[in-house]
Amino acid sequence: DAVGVAYVSNGVANTEDTVTHTLGRTPVGILHGIPDKSAVVYADNQAAWSSTNVRLKASAATVTVNILLF
């Protein structure tokens, strides 16, 4: 099973964002689409993921990208 979410990073590059999801369990990974600007989307705090939230970062400010959590 998997769920898609739209991720928009905050206004400061490389700062953590909490992204809410409806997967119903803690995801084991992500796949992401093409960001709307040059950026790397990454997770460096995967231990903090839960059945309702994941924590992501983007290397540029206000990046929009579709994420698939699985």
C-alpha atoms as a PDB file:
ATOM      1  CA  ASP A   1       0.000   0.000   0.000  1.00  0.00           C
ATOM      2  CA  ALA A   2       1.030   3.601  -0.559  1.00  0.00           C
ATOM      3  CA  VAL A   3      -0.350   7.125  -0.373  1.00  0.00           C
ATOM      4  CA  GLY A   4       0.462  10.254  -2.316  1.00  0.00           C
ATOM      5  CA  VAL A   5       0.897  13.690  -0.758  1.00  0.00           C
ATOM      6  CA  ALA A   6       1.874  17.110  -2.067  1.00  0.00           C
ATOM      7  CA  TYR A   7       4.936  18.482  -0.263  1.00  0.00           C
ATOM      8  CA  VAL A   8       5.705  22.191  -0.191  1.00  0.00           C
ATOM      9  CA  SER A   9       8.886  23.000   1.703  1.00  0.00           C
ATOM     10  CA  ASN A  10       9.043  26.016   3.960  1.00  0.00           C
ATOM     11  CA  GLY A  11      10.772  29.313   3.145  1.00  0.00           C
ATOM     12  CA  VAL A  12      14.185  28.286   4.490  1.00  0.00           C
ATOM     13  CA  ALA A  13      16.249  25.679   2.651  1.00  0.00           C
ATOM     14  CA  ASN A  14      17.414  22.570   4.515  1.00  0.00           C
ATOM     15  CA  THR A  15      15.011  22.954   7.428  1.00  0.00           C
ATOM     16  CA  GLU A  16      12.696  20.179   8.528  1.00  0.00           C
ATOM     17  CA  ASP A  17       9.020  20.144   7.585  1.00  0.00           C
ATOM     18  CA  THR A  18       6.346  17.896   9.062  1.00  0.00           C
ATOM     19  CA  VAL A  19       4.180  16.369   6.352  1.00  0.00           C
ATOM     20  CA  THR A  20       0.854  14.778   7.321  1.00  0.00           C
ATOM     21  CA  HIS A  21      -0.233  11.579   5.582  1.00  0.00           C
ATOM     22  CA  THR A  22      -3.066   9.046   5.718  1.00  0.00           C
ATOM     23  CA  LEU A  23      -1.126   5.811   5.181  1.00  0.00           C
ATOM     24  CA  GLY A  24      -2.195   4.502   8.594  1.00  0.00           C
ATOM     25  CA  ARG A  25       1.243   3.136   9.452  1.00  0.00           C
ATOM     26  CA  THR A  26       4.799   4.408   9.580  1.00  0.00           C
ATOM     27  CA  PRO A  27       6.145   4.565   6.013  1.00  0.00           C
ATOM     28  CA  VAL A  28       9.308   2.670   5.145  1.00  0.00           C
ATOM     29  CA  GLY A  29      10.290   4.949   2.267  1.00  0.00           C
ATOM     30  CA  ILE A  30       9.404   7.649  -0.223  1.00  0.00           C
ATOM     31  CA  LEU A  31       9.456   8.183  -3.954  1.00  0.00           C
ATOM     32  CA  HIS A  32       9.143  11.689  -5.276  1.00  0.00           C
ATOM     33  CA  GLY A  33       8.274  13.306  -8.546  1.00  0.00           C
ATOM     34  CA  ILE A  34       9.997  16.178 -10.277  1.00  0.00           C
ATOM     35  CA  PRO A  35      10.271  19.272  -8.035  1.00  0.00           C
ATOM     36  CA  ASP A  36       9.107  22.603  -9.439  1.00  0.00           C
ATOM     37  CA  LYS A  37      12.646  23.982  -9.034  1.00  0.00           C
ATOM     38  CA  SER A  38      16.146  22.607  -8.744  1.00  0.00           C
ATOM     39  CA  ALA A  39      16.272  20.909  -5.332  1.00  0.00           C
ATOM     40  CA  VAL A  40      17.001  17.689  -3.500  1.00  0.00           C
ATOM     41  CA  VAL A  41      14.204  16.378  -1.271  1.00  0.00           C
ATOM     42  CA  TYR A  42      15.485  14.228   1.582  1.00  0.00           C
ATOM     43  CA  ALA A  43      14.798  12.828   5.038  1.00  0.00           C
ATOM     44  CA  ASP A  44      17.527  12.910   7.672  1.00  0.00           C
ATOM     45  CA  ASN A  45      15.232  12.192  10.639  1.00  0.00           C
ATOM     46  CA  GLN A  46      13.424   9.046   9.516  1.00  0.00           C
ATOM     47  CA  ALA A  47      13.370   7.774  13.121  1.00  0.00           C
ATOM     48  CA  ALA A  48      10.793  10.512  13.866  1.00  0.00           C
ATOM     49  CA  TRP A  49       8.325   9.273  11.231  1.00  0.00           C
ATOM     50  CA  SER A  50       4.978   8.038  12.518  1.00  0.00           C
ATOM     51  CA  SER A  51       1.685   6.608  11.312  1.00  0.00           C
ATOM     52  CA  THR A  52       0.451  10.170  10.641  1.00  0.00           C
ATOM     53  CA  ASN A  53       3.550  12.303   9.865  1.00  0.00           C
ATOM     54  CA  VAL A  54       6.907  12.215   8.117  1.00  0.00           C
ATOM     55  CA  ARG A  55       9.724  14.743   8.345  1.00  0.00           C
ATOM     56  CA  LEU A  56      11.291  15.969   5.117  1.00  0.00           C
ATOM     57  CA  LYS A  57      13.742  18.637   3.992  1.00  0.00           C
ATOM     58  CA  ALA A  58      14.440  20.311   0.658  1.00  0.00           C
ATOM     59  CA  SER A  59      17.681  21.909  -0.446  1.00  0.00           C
ATOM     60  CA  ALA A  60      15.820  24.981  -1.759  1.00  0.00           C
ATOM     61  CA  ALA A  61      13.101  27.158  -0.259  1.00  0.00           C
ATOM     62  CA  THR A  62       9.415  26.692  -1.174  1.00  0.00           C
ATOM     63  CA  VAL A  63       9.827  23.624  -3.352  1.00  0.00           C
ATOM     64  CA  THR A  64       6.645  21.847  -4.462  1.00  0.00           C
ATOM     65  CA  VAL A  65       6.780  18.148  -5.285  1.00  0.00           C
ATOM     66  CA  ASN A  66       4.461  15.136  -5.174  1.00  0.00           C
ATOM     67  CA  ILE A  67       5.593  12.401  -2.778  1.00  0.00           C
ATOM     68  CA  LEU A  68       4.573   8.744  -2.676  1.00  0.00           C
ATOM     69  CA  LEU A  69       4.898   7.227   0.804  1.00  0.00           C
ATOM     70  CA  PHE A  70       5.033   3.454   1.054  1.00  0.00           C
END
